[in-house]
Amino acid sequence: MEEYVVYILASSKTEKLYKGHTSNLIERFKSHNALSEKGWTIRYRPWRVVFVRFFKTKKEAMCFEKYLKTGVGREWIAKNVHSE
């Protein structure tokens, strides 16, 4: 059975955070840090993983990722995720 992960990346150069979900965190992390040649995340490399939460379904993961991108979710991140 496939598991899904919601993750938060922190840019080592800036204060930027990136929130996403995937079923393969290692490959997705490689994509953000090295493989991708276009997109928002390439401007703020290198990234490090600062938060991971596992879910049994893609729907649950997508809902939590969406929550993290709201104002309340950003407040939750500020209180619960340390990106130093």
PDB file of N, CA and C in Angstrom:
ATOM      1  N   MET A   1       0.835  -1.190   0.000  1.00  0.00           N
ATOM      2  CA  MET A   1       0.000   0.000   0.000  1.00  0.00           C
ATOM      3  C   MET A   1       0.877   1.249   0.000  1.00  0.00           C
ATOM      4  N   GLU A   2       0.544   2.179  -0.864  1.00  0.00           N
ATOM      5  CA  GLU A   2       1.312   3.403  -1.000  1.00  0.00           C
ATOM      6  C   GLU A   2       0.982   4.378   0.128  1.00  0.00           C
ATOM      7  N   GLU A   3       2.020   5.031   0.644  1.00  0.00           N
ATOM      8  CA  GLU A   3       1.832   6.085   1.633  1.00  0.00           C
ATOM      9  C   GLU A   3       2.117   7.423   0.975  1.00  0.00           C
ATOM     10  N   TYR A   4       1.516   8.457   1.512  1.00  0.00           N
ATOM     11  CA  TYR A   4       1.720   9.803   1.001  1.00  0.00           C
ATOM     12  C   TYR A   4       2.327  10.664   2.098  1.00  0.00           C
ATOM     13  N   VAL A   5       3.121  11.624   1.688  1.00  0.00           N
ATOM     14  CA  VAL A   5       3.854  12.468   2.613  1.00  0.00           C
ATOM     15  C   VAL A   5       3.556  13.931   2.292  1.00  0.00           C
ATOM     16  N   VAL A   6       3.271  14.702   3.330  1.00  0.00           N
ATOM     17  CA  VAL A   6       3.252  16.156   3.211  1.00  0.00           C
ATOM     18  C   VAL A   6       4.572  16.622   3.805  1.00  0.00           C
ATOM     19  N   TYR A   7       5.254  17.492   3.076  1.00  0.00           N
ATOM     20  CA  TYR A   7       6.572  17.922   3.523  1.00  0.00           C
ATOM     21  C   TYR A   7       6.685  19.437   3.421  1.00  0.00           C
ATOM     22  N   ILE A   8       7.586  19.963   4.236  1.00  0.00           N
ATOM     23  CA  ILE A   8       7.935  21.380   4.158  1.00  0.00           C
ATOM     24  C   ILE A   8       9.445  21.447   3.973  1.00  0.00           C
ATOM     25  N   LEU A   9       9.852  22.215   2.979  1.00  0.00           N
ATOM     26  CA  LEU A   9      11.263  22.454   2.728  1.00  0.00           C
ATOM     27  C   LEU A   9      11.587  23.886   3.121  1.00  0.00           C
ATOM     28  N   ALA A  10      12.792  24.095   3.622  1.00  0.00           N
ATOM     29  CA  ALA A  10      13.275  25.438   3.927  1.00  0.00           C
ATOM     30  C   ALA A  10      14.484  25.712   3.045  1.00  0.00           C
ATOM     31  N   SER A  11      14.532  26.902   2.481  1.00  0.00           N
ATOM     32  CA  SER A  11      15.672  27.301   1.668  1.00  0.00           C
ATOM     33  C   SER A  11      16.847  27.618   2.581  1.00  0.00           C
ATOM     34  N   SER A  12      18.013  27.096   2.234  1.00  0.00           N
ATOM     35  CA  SER A  12      19.213  27.380   3.030  1.00  0.00           C
ATOM     36  C   SER A  12      19.714  28.803   2.813  1.00  0.00           C
ATOM     37  N   LYS A  13      19.309  29.441   1.705  1.00  0.00           N
ATOM     38  CA  LYS A  13      19.775  30.798   1.385  1.00  0.00           C
ATOM     39  C   LYS A  13      18.827  31.891   1.855  1.00  0.00           C
ATOM     40  N   THR A  14      17.544  31.582   1.928  1.00  0.00           N
ATOM     41  CA  THR A  14      16.549  32.609   2.233  1.00  0.00           C
ATOM     42  C   THR A  14      15.604  32.104   3.317  1.00  0.00           C
ATOM     43  N   GLU A  15      14.606  32.887   3.627  1.00  0.00           N
ATOM     44  CA  GLU A  15      13.587  32.519   4.606  1.00  0.00           C
ATOM     45  C   GLU A  15      12.424  31.768   3.960  1.00  0.00           C
ATOM     46  N   LYS A  16      12.544  31.405   2.707  1.00  0.00           N
ATOM     47  CA  LYS A  16      11.448  30.775   1.966  1.00  0.00           C
ATOM     48  C   LYS A  16      11.161  29.365   2.467  1.00  0.00           C
ATOM     49  N   LEU A  17       9.862  29.031   2.499  1.00  0.00           N
ATOM     50  CA  LEU A  17       9.406  27.672   2.791  1.00  0.00           C
ATOM     51  C   LEU A  17       8.613  27.177   1.588  1.00  0.00           C
ATOM     52  N   TYR A  18       8.684  25.887   1.338  1.00  0.00           N
ATOM     53  CA  TYR A  18       7.911  25.267   0.268  1.00  0.00           C
ATOM     54  C   TYR A  18       7.138  24.110   0.865  1.00  0.00           C
ATOM     55  N   LYS A  19       5.847  24.035   0.569  1.00  0.00           N
ATOM     56  CA  LYS A  19       4.994  22.966   1.072  1.00  0.00           C
ATOM     57  C   LYS A  19       4.523  22.123  -0.098  1.00  0.00           C
ATOM     58  N   GLY A  20       4.556  20.798   0.077  1.00  0.00           N
ATOM     59  CA  GLY A  20       4.110  19.926  -0.995  1.00  0.00           C
ATOM     60  C   GLY A  20       3.718  18.563  -0.475  1.00  0.00           C
ATOM     61  N   HIS A  21       3.254  17.706  -1.393  1.00  0.00           N
ATOM     62  CA  HIS A  21       2.948  16.320  -1.028  1.00  0.00           C
ATOM     63  C   HIS A  21       3.463  15.405  -2.134  1.00  0.00           C
ATOM     64  N   THR A  22       3.747  14.171  -1.760  1.00  0.00           N
ATOM     65  CA  THR A  22       4.299  13.207  -2.698  1.00  0.00           C
ATOM     66  C   THR A  22       4.132  11.801  -2.140  1.00  0.00           C
ATOM     67  N   SER A  23       4.329  10.821  -3.002  1.00  0.00           N
ATOM     68  CA  SER A  23       4.374   9.435  -2.545  1.00  0.00           C
ATOM     69  C   SER A  23       5.819   8.940  -2.524  1.00  0.00           C
ATOM     70  N   ASN A  24       6.780   9.782  -2.943  1.00  0.00           N
ATOM     71  CA  ASN A  24       8.190   9.404  -2.944  1.00  0.00           C
ATOM     72  C   ASN A  24       9.027  10.622  -2.553  1.00  0.00           C
ATOM     73  N   LEU A  25       9.230  10.791  -1.267  1.00  0.00           N
ATOM     74  CA  LEU A  25       9.902  11.987  -0.750  1.00  0.00           C
ATOM     75  C   LEU A  25      11.341  12.098  -1.249  1.00  0.00           C
ATOM     76  N   ILE A  26      12.065  11.005  -1.304  1.00  0.00           N
ATOM     77  CA  ILE A  26      13.470  11.058  -1.718  1.00  0.00           C
ATOM     78  C   ILE A  26      13.595  11.589  -3.147  1.00  0.00           C
ATOM     79  N   GLU A  27      12.818  11.029  -4.057  1.00  0.00           N
ATOM     80  CA  GLU A  27      12.885  11.479  -5.447  1.00  0.00           C
ATOM     81  C   GLU A  27      12.391  12.920  -5.590  1.00  0.00           C
ATOM     82  N   ARG A  28      11.371  13.278  -4.846  1.00  0.00           N
ATOM     83  CA  ARG A  28      10.850  14.649  -4.913  1.00  0.00           C
ATOM     84  C   ARG A  28      11.889  15.633  -4.391  1.00  0.00           C
ATOM     85  N   PHE A  29      12.571  15.268  -3.310  1.00  0.00           N
ATOM     86  CA  PHE A  29      13.622  16.113  -2.736  1.00  0.00           C
ATOM     87  C   PHE A  29      14.754  16.299  -3.749  1.00  0.00           C
ATOM     88  N   LYS A  30      15.155  15.214  -4.410  1.00  0.00           N
ATOM     89  CA  LYS A  30      16.183  15.312  -5.457  1.00  0.00           C
ATOM     90  C   LYS A  30      15.730  16.262  -6.561  1.00  0.00           C
ATOM     91  N   SER A  31      14.462  16.163  -6.925  1.00  0.00           N
ATOM     92  CA  SER A  31      13.924  17.020  -7.973  1.00  0.00           C
ATOM     93  C   SER A  31      14.021  18.494  -7.574  1.00  0.00           C
ATOM     94  N   HIS A  32      13.642  18.806  -6.351  1.00  0.00           N
ATOM     95  CA  HIS A  32      13.691  20.196  -5.882  1.00  0.00           C
ATOM     96  C   HIS A  32      15.120  20.717  -5.833  1.00  0.00           C
ATOM     97  N   ASN A  33      16.070  19.857  -5.452  1.00  0.00           N
ATOM     98  CA  ASN A  33      17.443  20.313  -5.235  1.00  0.00           C
ATOM     99  C   ASN A  33      18.373  20.181  -6.429  1.00  0.00           C
ATOM    100  N   ALA A  34      18.072  19.305  -7.376  1.00  0.00           N
ATOM    101  CA  ALA A  34      19.052  19.083  -8.435  1.00  0.00           C
ATOM    102  C   ALA A  34      18.454  18.839  -9.812  1.00  0.00           C
ATOM    103  N   LEU A  35      17.406  18.052  -9.916  1.00  0.00           N
ATOM    104  CA  LEU A  35      16.949  17.586 -11.216  1.00  0.00           C
ATOM    105  C   LEU A  35      16.152  18.608 -12.013  1.00  0.00           C
ATOM    106  N   SER A  36      15.294  19.343 -11.349  1.00  0.00           N
ATOM    107  CA  SER A  36      14.437  20.299 -12.067  1.00  0.00           C
ATOM    108  C   SER A  36      15.269  21.402 -12.701  1.00  0.00           C
ATOM    109  N   GLU A  37      14.872  21.780 -13.907  1.00  0.00           N
ATOM    110  CA  GLU A  37      15.559  22.853 -14.604  1.00  0.00           C
ATOM    111  C   GLU A  37      14.703  24.105 -14.709  1.00  0.00           C
ATOM    112  N   LYS A  38      13.452  24.021 -14.248  1.00  0.00           N
ATOM    113  CA  LYS A  38      12.590  25.193 -14.242  1.00  0.00           C
ATOM    114  C   LYS A  38      11.642  25.091 -13.056  1.00  0.00           C
ATOM    115  N   GLY A  39      11.016  26.211 -12.732  1.00  0.00           N
ATOM    116  CA  GLY A  39      10.069  26.227 -11.625  1.00  0.00           C
ATOM    117  C   GLY A  39      10.526  27.128 -10.493  1.00  0.00           C
ATOM    118  N   TRP A  40       9.626  27.341  -9.573  1.00  0.00           N
ATOM    119  CA  TRP A  40       9.841  28.265  -8.463  1.00  0.00           C
ATOM    120  C   TRP A  40      10.969  27.819  -7.548  1.00  0.00           C
ATOM    121  N   THR A  41      11.069  26.512  -7.285  1.00  0.00           N
ATOM    122  CA  THR A  41      12.017  26.039  -6.268  1.00  0.00           C
ATOM    123  C   THR A  41      13.479  26.146  -6.688  1.00  0.00           C
ATOM    124  N   ILE A  42      13.775  26.197  -7.973  1.00  0.00           N
ATOM    125  CA  ILE A  42      15.187  26.240  -8.366  1.00  0.00           C
ATOM    126  C   ILE A  42      15.862  27.547  -7.948  1.00  0.00           C
ATOM    127  N   ARG A  43      15.090  28.606  -7.785  1.00  0.00           N
ATOM    128  CA  ARG A  43      15.670  29.909  -7.418  1.00  0.00           C
ATOM    129  C   ARG A  43      16.187  29.960  -5.989  1.00  0.00           C
ATOM    130  N   TYR A  44      15.710  29.055  -5.154  1.00  0.00           N
ATOM    131  CA  TYR A  44      16.031  29.139  -3.724  1.00  0.00           C
ATOM    132  C   TYR A  44      16.824  27.937  -3.222  1.00  0.00           C
ATOM    133  N   ARG A  45      17.439  27.207  -4.113  1.00  0.00           N
ATOM    134  CA  ARG A  45      18.268  26.058  -3.734  1.00  0.00           C
ATOM    135  C   ARG A  45      19.465  26.522  -2.932  1.00  0.00           C
ATOM    136  N   PRO A  46      20.003  25.694  -2.047  1.00  0.00           N
ATOM    137  CA  PRO A  46      19.572  24.346  -1.699  1.00  0.00           C
ATOM    138  C   PRO A  46      18.443  24.355  -0.668  1.00  0.00           C
ATOM    139  N   TRP A  47      17.663  23.287  -0.698  1.00  0.00           N
ATOM    140  CA  TRP A  47      16.549  23.083   0.228  1.00  0.00           C
ATOM    141  C   TRP A  47      16.924  22.015   1.238  1.00  0.00           C
ATOM    142  N   ARG A  48      16.283  22.099   2.408  1.00  0.00           N
ATOM    143  CA  ARG A  48      16.394  21.022   3.396  1.00  0.00           C
ATOM    144  C   ARG A  48      14.995  20.709   3.910  1.00  0.00           C
ATOM    145  N   VAL A  49      14.767  19.466   4.257  1.00  0.00           N
ATOM    146  CA  VAL A  49      13.471  19.037   4.774  1.00  0.00           C
ATOM    147  C   VAL A  49      13.383  19.435   6.244  1.00  0.00           C
ATOM    148  N   VAL A  50      12.309  20.163   6.608  1.00  0.00           N
ATOM    149  CA  VAL A  50      12.142  20.590   7.999  1.00  0.00           C
ATOM    150  C   VAL A  50      10.883  20.006   8.638  1.00  0.00           C
ATOM    151  N   PHE A  51      10.034  19.363   7.836  1.00  0.00           N
ATOM    152  CA  PHE A  51       8.802  18.774   8.376  1.00  0.00           C
ATOM    153  C   PHE A  51       8.316  17.682   7.436  1.00  0.00           C
ATOM    154  N   VAL A  52       7.858  16.574   8.026  1.00  0.00           N
ATOM    155  CA  VAL A  52       7.281  15.465   7.264  1.00  0.00           C
ATOM    156  C   VAL A  52       6.134  14.881   8.076  1.00  0.00           C
ATOM    157  N   ARG A  53       5.013  14.621   7.404  1.00  0.00           N
ATOM    158  CA  ARG A  53       3.892  13.910   8.039  1.00  0.00           C
ATOM    159  C   ARG A  53       3.339  12.919   7.016  1.00  0.00           C
ATOM    160  N   PHE A  54       3.126  11.684   7.473  1.00  0.00           N
ATOM    161  CA  PHE A  54       2.659  10.612   6.592  1.00  0.00           C
ATOM    162  C   PHE A  54       1.147  10.465   6.647  1.00  0.00           C
ATOM    163  N   PHE A  55       0.565  10.092   5.504  1.00  0.00           N
ATOM    164  CA  PHE A  55      -0.874   9.873   5.377  1.00  0.00           C
ATOM    165  C   PHE A  55      -1.127   8.588   4.612  1.00  0.00           C
ATOM    166  N   LYS A  56      -2.262   7.970   4.881  1.00  0.00           N
ATOM    167  CA  LYS A  56      -2.616   6.718   4.207  1.00  0.00           C
ATOM    168  C   LYS A  56      -3.208   6.946   2.824  1.00  0.00           C
ATOM    169  N   THR A  57      -3.823   8.110   2.616  1.00  0.00           N
ATOM    170  CA  THR A  57      -4.445   8.375   1.309  1.00  0.00           C
ATOM    171  C   THR A  57      -3.937   9.687   0.732  1.00  0.00           C
ATOM    172  N   LYS A  58      -3.988   9.755  -0.587  1.00  0.00           N
ATOM    173  CA  LYS A  58      -3.594  10.974  -1.282  1.00  0.00           C
ATOM    174  C   LYS A  58      -4.527  12.123  -0.913  1.00  0.00           C
ATOM    175  N   LYS A  59      -5.813  11.823  -0.758  1.00  0.00           N
ATOM    176  CA  LYS A  59      -6.785  12.859  -0.412  1.00  0.00           C
ATOM    177  C   LYS A  59      -6.450  13.503   0.931  1.00  0.00           C
ATOM    178  N   GLU A  60      -6.099  12.689   1.931  1.00  0.00           N
ATOM    179  CA  GLU A  60      -5.731  13.232   3.244  1.00  0.00           C
ATOM    180  C   GLU A  60      -4.505  14.132   3.127  1.00  0.00           C
ATOM    181  N   ALA A  61      -3.517  13.678   2.365  1.00  0.00           N
ATOM    182  CA  ALA A  61      -2.290  14.466   2.186  1.00  0.00           C
ATOM    183  C   ALA A  61      -2.590  15.792   1.498  1.00  0.00           C
ATOM    184  N   MET A  62      -3.395  15.737   0.455  1.00  0.00           N
ATOM    185  CA  MET A  62      -3.729  16.958  -0.273  1.00  0.00           C
ATOM    186  C   MET A  62      -4.489  17.949   0.604  1.00  0.00           C
ATOM    187  N   CYS A  63      -5.377  17.447   1.439  1.00  0.00           N
ATOM    188  CA  CYS A  63      -6.142  18.324   2.339  1.00  0.00           C
ATOM    189  C   CYS A  63      -5.227  18.998   3.352  1.00  0.00           C
ATOM    190  N   PHE A  64      -4.265  18.240   3.909  1.00  0.00           N
ATOM    191  CA  PHE A  64      -3.356  18.826   4.892  1.00  0.00           C
ATOM    192  C   PHE A  64      -2.425  19.837   4.219  1.00  0.00           C
ATOM    193  N   GLU A  65      -1.936  19.530   3.018  1.00  0.00           N
ATOM    194  CA  GLU A  65      -1.100  20.485   2.284  1.00  0.00           C
ATOM    195  C   GLU A  65      -1.881  21.775   2.032  1.00  0.00           C
ATOM    196  N   LYS A  66      -3.120  21.654   1.612  1.00  0.00           N
ATOM    197  CA  LYS A  66      -3.959  22.824   1.358  1.00  0.00           C
ATOM    198  C   LYS A  66      -4.133  23.646   2.641  1.00  0.00           C
ATOM    199  N   TYR A  67      -4.341  22.960   3.776  1.00  0.00           N
ATOM    200  CA  TYR A  67      -4.458  23.639   5.070  1.00  0.00           C
ATOM    201  C   TYR A  67      -3.188  24.433   5.371  1.00  0.00           C
ATOM    202  N   LEU A  68      -2.013  23.826   5.138  1.00  0.00           N
ATOM    203  CA  LEU A  68      -0.757  24.502   5.439  1.00  0.00           C
ATOM    204  C   LEU A  68      -0.583  25.781   4.627  1.00  0.00           C
ATOM    205  N   LYS A  69      -1.249  25.881   3.491  1.00  0.00           N
ATOM    206  CA  LYS A  69      -1.119  27.042   2.631  1.00  0.00           C
ATOM    207  C   LYS A  69      -2.123  28.146   2.954  1.00  0.00           C
ATOM    208  N   THR A  70      -2.971  27.922   3.968  1.00  0.00           N
ATOM    209  CA  THR A  70      -3.916  28.948   4.420  1.00  0.00           C
ATOM    210  C   THR A  70      -3.252  29.825   5.479  1.00  0.00           C
ATOM    211  N   GLY A  71      -3.910  30.899   5.848  1.00  0.00           N
ATOM    212  CA  GLY A  71      -3.401  31.757   6.909  1.00  0.00           C
ATOM    213  C   GLY A  71      -3.266  31.012   8.224  1.00  0.00           C
ATOM    214  N   VAL A  72      -4.261  30.223   8.572  1.00  0.00           N
ATOM    215  CA  VAL A  72      -4.219  29.437   9.815  1.00  0.00           C
ATOM    216  C   VAL A  72      -3.093  28.408   9.734  1.00  0.00           C
ATOM    217  N   GLY A  73      -2.922  27.800   8.573  1.00  0.00           N
ATOM    218  CA  GLY A  73      -1.851  26.829   8.381  1.00  0.00           C
ATOM    219  C   GLY A  73      -0.476  27.460   8.505  1.00  0.00           C
ATOM    220  N   ARG A  74      -0.315  28.660   7.970  1.00  0.00           N
ATOM    221  CA  ARG A  74       0.969  29.360   8.105  1.00  0.00           C
ATOM    222  C   ARG A  74       1.255  29.689   9.572  1.00  0.00           C
ATOM    223  N   GLU A  75       0.213  30.030  10.336  1.00  0.00           N
ATOM    224  CA  GLU A  75       0.390  30.259  11.777  1.00  0.00           C
ATOM    225  C   GLU A  75       0.814  28.963  12.461  1.00  0.00           C
ATOM    226  N   TRP A  76       0.199  27.834  12.075  1.00  0.00           N
ATOM    227  CA  TRP A  76       0.550  26.536  12.644  1.00  0.00           C
ATOM    228  C   TRP A  76       2.019  26.221  12.354  1.00  0.00           C
ATOM    229  N   ILE A  77       2.457  26.490  11.129  1.00  0.00           N
ATOM    230  CA  ILE A  77       3.865  26.254  10.759  1.00  0.00           C
ATOM    231  C   ILE A  77       4.783  27.105  11.631  1.00  0.00           C
ATOM    232  N   ALA A  78       4.451  28.372  11.808  1.00  0.00           N
ATOM    233  CA  ALA A  78       5.286  29.266  12.611  1.00  0.00           C
ATOM    234  C   ALA A  78       5.439  28.770  14.044  1.00  0.00           C
ATOM    235  N   LYS A  79       4.395  28.154  14.582  1.00  0.00           N
ATOM    236  CA  LYS A  79       4.433  27.659  15.966  1.00  0.00           C
ATOM    237  C   LYS A  79       5.056  26.278  16.105  1.00  0.00           C
ATOM    238  N   ASN A  80       4.955  25.440  15.060  1.00  0.00           N
ATOM    239  CA  ASN A  80       5.295  24.025  15.196  1.00  0.00           C
ATOM    240  C   ASN A  80       6.470  23.527  14.359  1.00  0.00           C
ATOM    241  N   VAL A  81       6.929  24.313  13.410  1.00  0.00           N
ATOM    242  CA  VAL A  81       8.007  23.852  12.536  1.00  0.00           C
ATOM    243  C   VAL A  81       9.185  24.791  12.693  1.00  0.00           C
ATOM    244  N   HIS A  82      10.309  24.228  13.028  1.00  0.00           N
ATOM    245  CA  HIS A  82      11.529  25.020  13.217  1.00  0.00           C
ATOM    246  C   HIS A  82      12.394  24.863  11.973  1.00  0.00           C
ATOM    247  N   SER A  83      12.621  25.956  11.270  1.00  0.00           N
ATOM    248  CA  SER A  83      13.348  25.872  10.005  1.00  0.00           C
ATOM    249  C   SER A  83      14.796  26.356  10.126  1.00  0.00           C
ATOM    250  N   GLU A  84      15.292  26.550  11.341  1.00  0.00           N
ATOM    251  CA  GLU A  84      16.691  27.006  11.506  1.00  0.00           C
ATOM    252  C   GLU A  84      17.638  25.971  10.995  1.00  0.00           C
TER     253      GLU A  84
END
